[in-house]
Protein backbone atom coordinates (compact mmCIF):
# COMPACT_ATOMS: atom_id res chain seq x y z
CA MET A 1 91.89 32.16 -41.08
CA ARG A 2 92.26 28.45 -40.38
CA SER A 3 89.28 26.89 -38.75
CA ALA A 4 90.01 25.60 -35.23
CA TRP A 5 87.80 22.64 -35.31
CA ILE A 6 89.10 19.17 -36.37
CA LYS A 7 88.31 18.23 -39.95
CA GLY A 8 89.99 14.85 -39.97
CA LEU A 9 91.79 13.02 -42.80
CA VAL A 10 91.12 9.56 -44.05
CA ILE A 11 93.65 7.33 -45.87
CA ALA A 12 93.70 3.91 -47.38
CA GLY A 13 96.71 1.68 -48.06
CA ALA A 14 97.53 -1.09 -50.53
CA ALA A 15 100.57 -3.06 -51.57
CA ALA A 16 100.39 -2.97 -55.29
CA ALA A 17 98.70 0.01 -56.92
CA LEU A 18 99.79 -0.84 -60.42
CA VAL A 19 99.00 -4.53 -60.70
CA GLY A 20 95.97 -4.32 -58.41
CA CYS A 21 96.39 -7.36 -56.26
CA THR A 22 97.54 -8.07 -52.76
CA LEU A 23 101.17 -9.10 -52.91
CA ALA A 24 102.13 -9.28 -49.18
CA PRO A 25 101.24 -12.72 -47.68
CA GLY A 26 98.86 -12.31 -44.76
CA ALA A 27 98.29 -8.62 -45.49
CA ARG A 28 95.27 -7.14 -43.68
CA LEU A 29 93.09 -4.12 -44.36
CA ALA A 30 94.32 -1.18 -42.20
CA LEU A 31 92.41 1.95 -41.16
CA VAL A 32 94.06 5.10 -39.72
CA CYS A 33 92.41 8.35 -38.69
CA TYR A 34 94.15 11.74 -38.48
CA ASP A 35 92.95 15.03 -37.09
CA ASP A 36 93.67 18.44 -38.54
CA THR A 37 97.06 18.65 -36.83
CA GLY A 38 98.28 15.35 -38.25
CA ALA A 39 97.89 13.39 -35.04
CA THR A 40 96.09 10.04 -35.07
CA VAL A 41 92.64 10.15 -33.48
CA SER A 42 92.66 8.10 -30.28
CA SER A 43 88.84 7.67 -30.20
CA PHE A 44 89.20 5.70 -33.41
CA ASN A 45 90.18 2.49 -31.61
CA GLY A 46 93.39 4.17 -30.39
CA GLY A 47 94.16 5.61 -33.84
CA PHE A 48 93.93 2.68 -36.16
CA VAL A 49 92.03 -0.51 -37.03
CA ILE A 50 93.35 -3.67 -38.75
CA THR A 51 90.73 -5.98 -40.17
CA ASP A 52 91.19 -9.67 -40.85
CA ILE A 53 88.45 -10.96 -43.22
CA ALA A 54 87.33 -14.48 -42.55
CA ASP A 55 88.19 -17.11 -45.26
CA SER A 56 90.68 -14.72 -46.92
CA ASP A 57 94.37 -15.19 -47.15
CA ALA A 58 95.05 -11.44 -47.56
CA GLU A 59 93.07 -8.34 -48.30
CA THR A 60 93.80 -4.80 -49.54
CA ALA A 61 91.94 -1.51 -49.62
CA PHE A 62 92.67 0.31 -52.90
CA ALA A 63 90.10 3.09 -52.42
CA VAL A 64 88.41 4.96 -49.61
CA ALA A 65 85.54 7.48 -49.45
CA ILE A 66 83.39 9.20 -46.84
CA ALA A 67 79.70 9.74 -47.65
CA PRO A 68 79.15 13.53 -47.76
CA TRP A 69 75.68 13.57 -46.23
CA VAL A 70 74.51 14.15 -42.69
CA TYR A 71 71.81 11.70 -41.76
CA ASP A 72 68.41 13.22 -40.96
CA VAL A 73 66.46 10.00 -40.50
CA HIS A 74 66.12 7.42 -37.68
CA VAL A 75 66.47 3.70 -38.30
CA ASP A 76 65.26 1.26 -35.59
CA ASP A 77 65.09 4.09 -33.08
CA GLU A 78 68.75 4.94 -33.67
CA ARG A 79 70.22 7.89 -35.51
CA PRO A 80 72.76 6.26 -37.93
CA THR A 81 75.51 8.91 -37.78
CA GLU A 82 78.55 6.65 -37.65
CA GLY A 83 78.70 4.67 -40.89
CA ASN A 84 79.96 7.09 -43.53
CA LEU A 85 83.39 5.56 -44.10
CA ALA A 86 83.56 3.11 -47.04
CA VAL A 87 86.46 1.20 -48.51
CA ALA A 88 86.90 -0.98 -51.59
CA GLY A 89 89.58 -3.46 -52.58
CA ASP A 90 89.98 -7.22 -52.84
CA ALA A 91 90.16 -10.32 -50.64
CA GLY A 92 90.65 -14.07 -51.06
CA SER A 93 93.46 -16.27 -52.17
CA ARG A 94 96.27 -15.07 -54.46
CA SER A 95 94.78 -16.75 -57.49
CA ALA A 96 91.11 -16.19 -56.73
CA ARG A 97 90.39 -12.62 -55.62
CA ARG A 98 86.92 -11.04 -55.08
CA PHE A 99 85.71 -7.47 -54.96
CA MET A 100 85.57 -6.31 -51.32
CA VAL A 101 83.46 -3.37 -50.10
CA ALA A 102 83.18 -2.54 -46.43
CA ARG A 103 81.69 0.24 -44.29
CA TYR A 104 82.98 1.36 -40.94
CA ARG A 105 81.73 3.65 -38.18
CA ASP A 106 83.99 6.65 -38.50
CA ILE A 107 83.56 7.53 -34.85
CA ASN A 108 85.18 4.39 -33.42
CA GLY A 109 86.33 2.10 -36.21
CA ASP A 110 83.74 -0.64 -35.76
CA LEU A 111 82.40 -2.32 -38.81
CA GLU A 112 78.92 -1.03 -39.76
CA ASP A 113 77.45 -4.52 -39.17
CA HIS A 114 73.91 -3.27 -38.42
CA TYR A 115 73.26 -1.15 -41.44
CA PHE A 116 75.59 -2.54 -44.12
CA ALA A 117 74.98 -6.05 -45.54
CA ASP A 118 75.98 -8.95 -43.28
CA GLY A 119 78.68 -7.93 -40.80
CA GLY A 120 79.83 -4.71 -42.59
CA ILE A 121 81.68 -6.42 -45.50
CA VAL A 122 80.49 -7.53 -48.92
CA LEU A 123 82.53 -9.91 -51.15
CA THR A 124 81.50 -10.04 -54.81
CA ASP A 125 82.64 -12.29 -57.65
CA PHE A 126 81.80 -11.99 -61.35
CA PRO A 127 80.06 -14.73 -63.35
CA GLY A 128 82.60 -16.37 -65.71
CA ALA A 129 85.60 -14.77 -63.95
CA VAL A 130 88.10 -16.74 -61.89
CA SER A 131 89.29 -13.60 -60.00
CA ALA A 132 88.35 -9.99 -59.55
CA SER A 133 89.97 -7.02 -57.83
CA ALA A 134 88.38 -3.60 -57.08
CA LEU A 135 90.83 -0.83 -57.66
CA ALA A 136 88.61 2.33 -57.46
CA MET A 137 85.39 3.58 -55.85
CA ASP A 138 83.06 6.55 -56.03
CA ILE A 139 79.90 7.30 -54.01
CA GLU A 140 77.04 9.66 -54.81
CA PRO A 141 74.31 10.76 -52.33
CA GLY A 142 70.62 10.32 -52.71
CA THR A 143 68.49 9.77 -49.64
CA PRO A 144 70.72 7.60 -47.38
CA TYR A 145 69.70 3.96 -47.29
CA VAL A 146 67.37 4.54 -50.26
CA THR A 147 68.92 5.94 -53.39
CA SER A 148 72.58 6.53 -52.48
CA THR A 149 74.87 4.45 -54.67
CA ILE A 150 78.46 3.08 -54.53
CA ALA A 151 80.32 2.41 -57.82
CA VAL A 152 83.38 0.13 -57.80
CA ALA A 153 85.71 -0.61 -60.70
CA GLY A 154 88.68 -2.81 -61.30
CA LYS A 155 89.61 -5.91 -63.21
CA ALA A 156 88.32 -9.47 -63.63
CA VAL A 157 90.14 -12.41 -65.21
CA VAL A 158 88.11 -14.15 -67.86
CA ASP A 159 89.66 -16.80 -70.12
CA GLU A 160 93.13 -15.73 -68.85
CA GLU A 161 92.54 -12.14 -69.93
CA HIS A 162 91.69 -9.03 -67.86
CA ARG A 163 88.49 -7.08 -68.48
CA PHE A 164 87.09 -3.93 -67.04
CA ALA A 165 84.92 -4.96 -64.02
CA VAL A 166 82.32 -2.58 -62.73
CA ALA A 167 79.84 -3.11 -59.88
CA ARG A 168 77.20 -0.95 -58.24
CA TYR A 169 75.92 -1.29 -54.67
CA HIS A 170 73.19 0.38 -52.62
CA TRP A 171 74.49 2.25 -49.65
CA TYR A 172 73.24 -0.57 -47.42
CA GLY A 173 75.40 -3.12 -49.24
CA ALA A 174 73.00 -4.90 -51.61
CA MET A 175 73.82 -5.09 -55.27
CA GLU A 176 71.94 -2.71 -57.59
CA THR A 177 70.33 -5.45 -59.61
CA ASN A 178 69.05 -3.19 -62.36
CA PHE A 179 72.75 -2.42 -63.26
CA GLY A 180 74.16 -5.00 -65.71
CA ASN A 181 74.16 -8.64 -64.65
CA ASP A 182 72.72 -8.45 -61.13
CA GLY A 183 74.83 -5.35 -60.36
CA ARG A 184 77.98 -6.29 -62.31
CA VAL A 185 79.34 -5.53 -65.73
CA LEU A 186 82.41 -6.87 -67.65
CA THR A 187 83.79 -4.91 -70.57
CA SER A 188 86.48 -5.67 -73.16
CA PHE A 189 87.90 -3.33 -75.85
CA PRO A 190 87.86 -4.20 -79.55
CA GLY A 191 91.38 -5.25 -80.68
CA ALA A 192 92.76 -5.39 -77.12
CA ASP A 193 93.70 -8.62 -75.40
CA ASP A 194 93.67 -7.14 -71.89
CA ALA A 195 91.92 -4.25 -70.09
CA VAL A 196 92.16 -3.03 -66.47
CA ALA A 197 90.01 -0.27 -64.93
CA ARG A 198 91.91 1.78 -62.37
CA ALA A 199 89.54 4.70 -61.88
CA VAL A 200 85.78 5.30 -61.61
CA ALA A 201 83.44 8.26 -61.29
CA LEU A 202 79.70 8.58 -60.90
CA THR A 203 77.76 11.47 -62.35
CA PRO A 204 74.01 12.21 -62.00
CA THR A 205 71.80 12.48 -65.04
CA GLU A 206 68.04 13.04 -65.59
CA THR A 207 67.57 9.30 -65.75
CA GLY A 208 69.89 8.27 -62.89
CA PHE A 209 73.62 7.85 -62.36
CA GLN A 210 76.07 7.16 -65.11
CA VAL A 211 79.40 5.47 -64.45
CA VAL A 212 82.70 6.46 -66.15
CA ALA A 213 85.61 4.00 -65.76
CA GLY A 214 89.18 4.56 -66.92
CA GLY A 215 92.37 2.46 -67.07
CA ASP A 216 94.29 0.90 -69.92
CA ALA A 217 93.85 -1.62 -72.68
CA ARG A 218 96.74 -3.70 -74.09
CA PHE A 219 97.27 -3.86 -77.85
CA PRO A 220 100.09 -5.50 -79.90
CA ASP A 221 102.01 -2.16 -79.89
CA GLY A 222 101.53 -1.34 -76.18
CA ARG A 223 98.99 -0.16 -73.61
CA ARG A 224 96.69 2.77 -74.20
CA PHE A 225 94.42 5.03 -72.25
CA ALA A 226 90.99 3.33 -72.11
CA VAL A 227 87.75 4.95 -70.98
CA ALA A 228 84.26 3.44 -70.95
CA ARG A 229 80.96 5.08 -70.02
CA TYR A 230 77.85 3.18 -68.82
CA ARG A 231 74.20 4.16 -68.70
CA GLY A 232 72.25 3.71 -65.54
CA ASP A 233 71.28 0.15 -66.57
CA GLY A 234 74.91 -0.87 -67.00
CA ASN A 235 74.90 -0.94 -70.79
CA LEU A 236 77.60 0.96 -72.66
CA ASP A 237 76.51 4.49 -73.58
CA ASN A 238 76.54 4.69 -77.37
CA SER A 239 76.49 8.43 -77.25
CA PHE A 240 80.08 8.21 -75.94
CA ASP A 241 82.17 7.73 -79.18
CA ASP A 242 79.47 5.53 -80.75
CA ASP A 243 80.07 2.40 -78.70
CA GLY A 244 80.68 3.68 -75.19
CA ARG A 245 84.49 3.19 -75.34
CA VAL A 246 87.42 5.42 -76.16
CA ILE A 247 91.10 4.53 -76.73
CA THR A 248 93.75 7.24 -76.69
CA ASP A 249 97.40 7.11 -77.53
CA PHE A 250 100.16 9.75 -77.12
CA ALA A 251 102.70 10.72 -79.75
CA GLY A 252 106.21 9.69 -78.79
CA SER A 253 105.03 7.17 -76.23
CA THR A 254 104.92 3.38 -76.52
CA SER A 255 102.62 2.67 -73.55
CA GLU A 256 100.16 4.71 -71.56
CA SER A 257 97.84 4.02 -68.59
CA ILE A 258 95.16 5.97 -66.71
CA ALA A 259 95.60 5.94 -62.97
CA ASP A 260 92.68 8.27 -61.99
CA LEU A 261 89.97 10.38 -63.57
CA ALA A 262 87.66 13.23 -62.63
CA ILE A 263 84.40 14.58 -64.07
CA VAL A 264 84.12 18.34 -64.32
CA ASP A 265 80.75 20.05 -64.64
CA THR A 266 81.11 23.67 -65.79
CA ASP A 267 78.00 25.62 -66.65
CA GLY A 268 76.17 22.41 -67.54
CA GLU A 269 78.99 21.09 -69.75
CA LYS A 270 80.67 17.93 -68.48
CA LEU A 271 84.31 17.07 -69.18
CA ILE A 272 86.36 14.06 -68.31
CA VAL A 273 89.92 14.54 -67.12
CA ALA A 274 92.16 11.43 -67.10
CA ALA A 275 95.66 11.33 -65.61
CA GLY A 276 98.38 8.66 -65.52
CA ARG A 277 101.64 7.93 -67.25
CA ALA A 278 103.22 7.65 -70.68
CA SER A 279 106.36 5.67 -71.29
CA GLY A 280 108.78 5.99 -74.19
CA ASN A 281 112.43 6.54 -75.09
CA ASP A 282 112.47 9.52 -72.75
CA GLY A 283 111.34 7.49 -69.75
CA GLN A 284 108.04 7.98 -67.89
CA GLN A 285 106.06 11.22 -68.06
CA ILE A 286 102.87 12.55 -66.62
CA ALA A 287 100.07 12.00 -69.19
CA LEU A 288 96.83 13.97 -69.15
CA ALA A 289 93.85 13.85 -71.51
CA ARG A 290 90.57 15.83 -71.43
CA TYR A 291 87.46 14.52 -73.20
CA LEU A 292 84.25 16.20 -74.20
CA TRP A 293 81.07 14.44 -73.07
CA ASP A 294 80.71 12.80 -76.49
CA GLY A 295 84.02 11.02 -76.07
CA SER A 296 86.09 13.26 -78.41
CA LEU A 297 89.27 14.87 -77.17
CA ASP A 298 88.94 18.52 -76.04
CA THR A 299 91.17 20.29 -78.54
CA THR A 300 91.30 23.42 -76.30
CA PHE A 301 93.36 21.44 -73.82
CA GLY A 302 97.08 20.96 -74.31
CA SER A 303 97.94 19.62 -77.80
CA GLY A 304 94.83 18.14 -79.37
CA GLY A 305 93.41 17.31 -75.93
CA ARG A 306 96.54 15.66 -74.52
CA ILE A 307 99.71 16.71 -72.65
CA MET A 308 102.81 14.99 -71.46
CA ALA A 309 105.02 16.62 -68.78
CA ALA A 310 107.75 15.82 -66.32
CA ALA A 311 108.74 17.30 -63.03
CA PRO A 312 111.79 19.66 -63.57
CA GLY A 313 115.05 17.89 -62.75
CA SER A 314 113.46 14.46 -62.56
CA ASP A 315 114.59 11.34 -64.38
CA GLY A 316 110.95 10.22 -64.81
CA SER A 317 107.60 11.14 -63.28
CA TYR A 318 104.07 9.99 -63.43
CA ALA A 319 100.60 10.72 -61.96
CA GLN A 320 98.77 8.37 -59.61
CA ALA A 321 95.79 10.67 -58.71
CA VAL A 322 93.95 13.66 -60.10
CA GLN A 323 91.51 16.29 -58.71
CA VAL A 324 90.05 19.43 -60.25
CA ASP A 325 89.96 22.30 -57.82
CA ASP A 326 87.17 24.88 -57.48
CA ARG A 327 88.83 27.13 -60.07
CA GLY A 328 88.97 24.35 -62.64
CA ARG A 329 92.79 23.80 -62.29
CA ILE A 330 94.01 20.24 -62.59
CA VAL A 331 96.01 18.90 -59.59
CA VAL A 332 97.88 15.63 -59.93
CA ALA A 333 99.88 13.66 -57.36
CA GLY A 334 102.34 10.89 -58.09
CA VAL A 335 106.02 10.08 -58.18
CA ALA A 336 109.18 11.76 -59.39
CA ARG A 337 112.55 9.95 -59.57
CA ASP A 338 116.00 11.45 -59.66
CA ALA A 339 118.96 10.33 -61.76
CA GLU A 340 120.01 7.89 -58.96
CA GLY A 341 116.52 6.26 -58.97
CA ASN A 342 115.36 7.72 -55.69
CA SER A 343 111.64 8.36 -55.63
CA ARG A 344 109.78 11.30 -54.06
CA PHE A 345 106.19 12.50 -53.69
CA MET A 346 105.32 14.74 -56.57
CA VAL A 347 102.40 17.18 -56.82
CA ALA A 348 101.68 19.37 -59.88
CA ARG A 349 99.03 21.75 -60.96
CA PHE A 350 97.95 22.62 -64.54
CA THR A 351 95.85 25.49 -65.81
CA THR A 352 92.51 24.86 -67.51
CA GLU A 353 94.39 25.15 -70.83
CA GLY A 354 96.80 22.32 -69.91
CA VAL A 355 100.00 24.08 -69.11
CA PRO A 356 101.90 23.96 -65.78
CA ASP A 357 100.62 26.62 -63.34
CA LEU A 358 103.60 28.81 -62.55
CA ASN A 359 101.94 30.03 -59.34
CA PHE A 360 102.28 26.49 -57.90
CA GLY A 361 105.53 25.19 -56.34
CA GLY A 362 108.46 25.53 -58.64
CA ALA A 363 107.32 26.04 -62.24
CA GLY A 364 104.10 24.19 -61.47
CA PHE A 365 105.63 21.22 -59.52
CA SER A 366 106.45 20.33 -55.92
CA THR A 367 108.48 17.34 -54.88
CA ILE A 368 109.26 16.16 -51.34
CA ASP A 369 110.80 13.34 -49.41
CA PHE A 370 110.28 12.22 -45.81
CA PRO A 371 113.02 12.74 -43.25
CA GLY A 372 114.50 9.48 -42.05
CA ALA A 373 112.98 7.54 -44.97
CA ILE A 374 114.55 6.08 -48.09
CA GLY A 375 112.30 6.82 -51.02
CA ALA A 376 108.61 7.72 -51.05
CA LEU A 377 105.74 6.87 -53.49
CA ALA A 378 102.50 8.78 -53.62
CA HIS A 379 99.35 6.88 -54.50
CA GLY A 380 96.25 8.89 -53.56
CA MET A 381 95.16 12.51 -53.18
CA ASP A 382 92.26 14.77 -52.19
CA ILE A 383 91.71 18.49 -51.85
CA ASP A 384 89.98 19.64 -48.65
CA SER A 385 87.52 22.49 -48.18
CA GLU A 386 90.36 25.01 -47.56
CA GLY A 387 92.09 24.13 -50.79
CA ARG A 388 94.86 22.15 -49.02
CA ILE A 389 96.21 19.16 -50.94
CA LEU A 390 96.33 15.85 -49.09
CA VAL A 391 98.64 13.10 -50.44
CA ALA A 392 99.06 9.56 -49.19
CA GLY A 393 101.47 6.80 -50.12
CA GLN A 394 104.40 4.95 -48.67
CA ALA A 395 107.95 5.67 -47.46
CA PHE A 396 110.62 3.19 -46.38
CA ALA A 397 111.93 3.64 -42.89
CA ASP A 398 112.84 0.16 -41.41
CA GLY A 399 109.96 -1.21 -43.47
CA TRP A 400 107.26 0.56 -45.45
CA LYS A 401 105.16 3.13 -43.55
CA PHE A 402 101.99 4.99 -44.24
CA ALA A 403 103.24 8.39 -45.55
CA VAL A 404 100.92 11.42 -45.58
CA ALA A 405 101.70 14.96 -46.59
CA ARG A 406 99.60 18.14 -46.71
CA PHE A 407 100.37 21.02 -49.14
CA LEU A 408 98.93 24.54 -49.15
CA ALA A 409 97.31 25.76 -52.30
CA ASP A 410 100.54 27.31 -53.45
CA GLY A 411 102.33 23.95 -53.41
CA THR A 412 104.35 24.47 -50.19
CA LEU A 413 104.18 22.06 -47.36
CA ASP A 414 101.67 22.99 -44.56
CA SER A 415 103.65 23.36 -41.34
CA ALA A 416 100.39 23.20 -39.35
CA PHE A 417 100.34 19.52 -40.21
CA ASP A 418 102.65 17.73 -37.77
CA GLY A 419 105.13 20.64 -37.83
CA ASP A 420 106.55 20.16 -41.33
CA GLY A 421 103.58 18.95 -43.42
CA ARG A 422 104.58 15.32 -43.33
CA VAL A 423 103.62 12.32 -41.26
CA LEU A 424 104.87 8.75 -41.14
CA THR A 425 102.61 6.25 -39.39
CA ASP A 426 104.06 3.05 -37.91
CA LEU A 427 101.51 0.37 -37.12
CA PRO A 428 102.31 -2.85 -35.10
CA THR A 429 103.19 -4.65 -38.35
CA HIS A 430 106.30 -4.44 -40.42
CA ASN A 431 105.03 -3.02 -43.73
CA GLU A 432 102.10 -0.54 -44.29
CA ILE A 433 101.29 1.20 -47.52
CA ALA A 434 98.74 3.94 -48.07
CA PHE A 435 96.88 4.00 -51.28
CA ASP A 436 94.12 6.57 -51.09
CA ILE A 437 93.14 9.62 -49.02
CA THR A 438 90.01 11.63 -48.41
CA PHE A 439 88.49 13.99 -45.86
CA ASP A 440 85.13 14.56 -44.25
CA ARG A 441 83.07 16.88 -46.39
CA ARG A 442 80.20 17.13 -43.88
CA GLY A 443 81.80 20.11 -42.06
CA ARG A 444 80.79 19.03 -38.59
CA ILE A 445 82.36 20.85 -35.72
CA ASN A 446 84.73 18.70 -33.64
CA TYR A 447 83.64 15.66 -35.60
CA LEU A 448 86.39 13.04 -36.02
CA VAL A 449 86.60 10.91 -39.12
CA CYS A 450 88.54 7.79 -39.93
CA ALA A 451 90.64 5.86 -42.52
CA ALA A 452 91.55 2.73 -44.62
CA GLY A 453 94.58 0.77 -45.91
CA GLN A 454 96.82 -2.35 -45.85
CA ALA A 455 99.32 -3.65 -43.27
CA GLY A 456 101.24 -6.84 -43.34
CA ASP A 457 104.64 -8.48 -42.65
């Protein structure tokens, strides 16, 4: 039975998921809040918030998360219940970007200026880098305002080359100074002339939180899956493939890139699942790899720890987001293109062994478009407490619009979500693009939550 109370959905938008920089001149960070029916939440500033950051030409939110805890403390005689929504991305000029992390009050869309840094927004640069963009974020709870942590990963430009850039923040916005160089770490990969982190995950250990970042590194023969793991102090973890870094290629592919990753903890054994794309003579395909905690490929998964797959009937497909459900099945969201080049939302599910789950959609895949729109690209995904799959991206209908879809656990669209499982949101700008999506895990009755993204002309 579907719960009658509002759960809320949160989405974040961005203009350029692949390159990781704000392309639209004058683009602004946009926040949109949906309720369980797919309607925008009017109490959230009328349904949306657009933030213009001072001294920034343009800004983008590439990631969004809602802190999963319910506050049980008072600060300055107030109960801080409204600041669980966090976003990460970049801001600045086109040539000189900075990491941007912000927190909002999910009840009304106001910046959390009292409890988060100075004015609710933190901008961070990296020593020695001329530009830096945050492309992914994860949060882990401790005691709110004390040990909770935010990990952000992306890229920084050093000597005209990109490097993995990772930063950690306290929940109240200050850098975690015991991590790397005053809260920041830059990482290159041996033999590669370029590396970009597009995904990040935190995992607790006996000695604190470890950070896993994934993306791609460029070598003379193409880009490859790249994963790095960091100890709590920011140093590379040498128990992970000897030097804390792993490079993975795929047979039959000339270039691969991780778009997202997830950490799975099963009976005390941790696995890392990475998802993205592989490109070769047969076009683009979904690429998945699963790693043991020592950095080696899990040979019980797919073929030697790797799989490549394509949506049936597509002329190319790739993954942009990955989640592991409560049964250990791997769910990916991304894009499938037909022979005419038209793009559609694509969701697929794979078994724990790495084969398409035939109980999901058609032969393990589900693809959809949006009525009245020309083309649709999925960028972000989450799975809610009822097993419904939330996907966010963009669709073109007289300009780009936030596009959100909700699927049931069997891969069919959920008609309880705006009548047909799909919502296009038109803000008072001309182009809006959703990049990430999440939901409120606190399970609070009639509690509304909010969202993040980009909007610009």
